[in-house]
Amino acid sequence: MSYQIEDRKAYFEKLAQSRKKPRGFSAYYWNEITNYCDYFSHEDISILEVGCGTGELLNGMRAKRKVGVDFSPAMITIAKEKFQNIDFHVMEAENIQLDEKFDLIILSNLIGFVGDVQEVFKQLHKVCHPQTKIIVTYYNYLWEPFLKFAEKIGLKTPTPLQNWLSLTDINNLLYIAGFDVYRNTKRMIFPFNIPLLKSFLNSFLAKLPFFRFFSLNIYTFAKPLSTLSKEEYEDKHSVSVVIPARNESGNIENAILRMPKLGKHTEIIFIEGNSTDDTWTKIQEIAQKYSSSYDIKIGQQNGKGKADAVRKGFGMATGDILMILDADLTVPPEDLPKFYDAIASGKGDFINGSRLVYPMEKDAMRFLNLLGNKFFSIAFTWLLEQKFKDTLCGTKVIFREDYYRLVKNQSYFGDFDPFGDYDLIFGAHKLNHKIVEIPIRYKERTYGSTNISRFRHGVVLLRMCFFAARKIKFI
């Protein structure tokens, strides 16, 4: 049958000769896939492409190391001639033999041609570390009759019989092969390079509900399923808890006394910011009082806003894992072990607190604030194509190494967020992180009043959403 390996190899060996020339008419389609995959790549990561063909996608990606494998000797010969800075190997996807692990693995329009998709996915574990990300790109199966028609009239290169898999099929095969799917995306409804029309249809219309259902390309993002036991991770990492504090004098001592043990060592960092009460005096007093029992660091921010305070605290931190705890203690410090467990066990790469799951105490959040939070949760779910319940909970957790990677890539969004919540969420999305939410019981303040203005800050947050839409969604 045409899907057998020798038939497929003969097809690609013959096709390879046409790949010596530029792609021409189909270049726009393939460049769109390359550009979208590159959006989630960075200069300091390693990439493996399985089924790399003649290497054009890899050549268009940013990375410190690029490796491509393909079962067609002719394809690999041409790839080596065209892109001498990339490491290429003749290798079957069903039998990967490489002695290294990669940060990002891409399978672009490959799974339609392999005999056993599940086996191909299982082979990826050989070249994965726990934080490896997988991107699988494939056609939307609804387009099968149109693509077959395009082949008949000469608009598309004819292909052998393919596996036409639905998004549900792909997600299921990844899961049973040991991978956790955390995002699905659909893109492109017009695969032709016609100026203005392509931009309107693909960059705008294809991102809207209903229209995106008919997109040509589907993207599946996955990572290895976590297999760590609690005994393996509970004392593996050190933790730095950064507590920004403005006019929170009455909460400082409780933040210390209620702080649980986290990981193998807990570092507590208070950053005071432009208080009008005696918060800074209280922080110095408490740090001195408990210096023999806790690892405490203190500092004052140089600028304004919570984001500036968090950046200063993260810059002082030495822990493997960075946590934010608001000094109002409306997120109970006692809940922080849940955040540690989620990130240390590999369940997620960026952990976000959610105040909108459990019933909250009567005066914990004003009604208009609650409506605003629900609106932004819907907006973020659409923007990032990953379920969000609460974007503005102050407690967020990230590995320190990943935070500094986020900072290196911060120029893409710019310094646009005075609060720091969106800055971190958008940055985590750009790093291709799996974002996990931890429900917490939101408490009333026991001291002071909120520093958030519902209307003025709400407008700022809305502007940030529109800004992010241009940088994340409509690309």
Foldseek 3Di string as FASTA:
>chain_A
DCLDPVNQLVVLLVVLVVVLDDPPFQVLVVVVVLVVVQLQADQDWEEEEEQCFLPPSVVSHHYVAYEYEAQHPSRQVNNCVVCVRHHYDNDHLLDDDDQEAGQEYEYEQPQFRHPDNLSSLLNNVNRHDQNHKYKYKHWALVCVVVVVVCCVVVNDPDDTGTDRDHPVRVCVSNVVSFKDWFFKFAFAPDSGPDPPVRLCVTLPVCLDPPNVNNGTMMMIMIGGDFDDDCVRQQQPWEEEEEEEDAQLLVQQLVCVVQADAGHNAYEYEYEYEDHPDCNVVSNVVNCVVCVVPHRYHYYYFPDDFQQSSQVVSLVPDDIQKYKYDYSLCLFPSNCVNVVRCCCRRSVWAKEAEAQPPDDAPDVLDDPLRVVLQQVVQVLVCSQLVGHGRGQPPRIMMHGSVLVVVLVVVLVLLDPQDRHNSVSVVLSCSSNVIRYHYDYTHGYHGPDDDDPDDSPVVSVSVVVSSVSSCVSGRSD
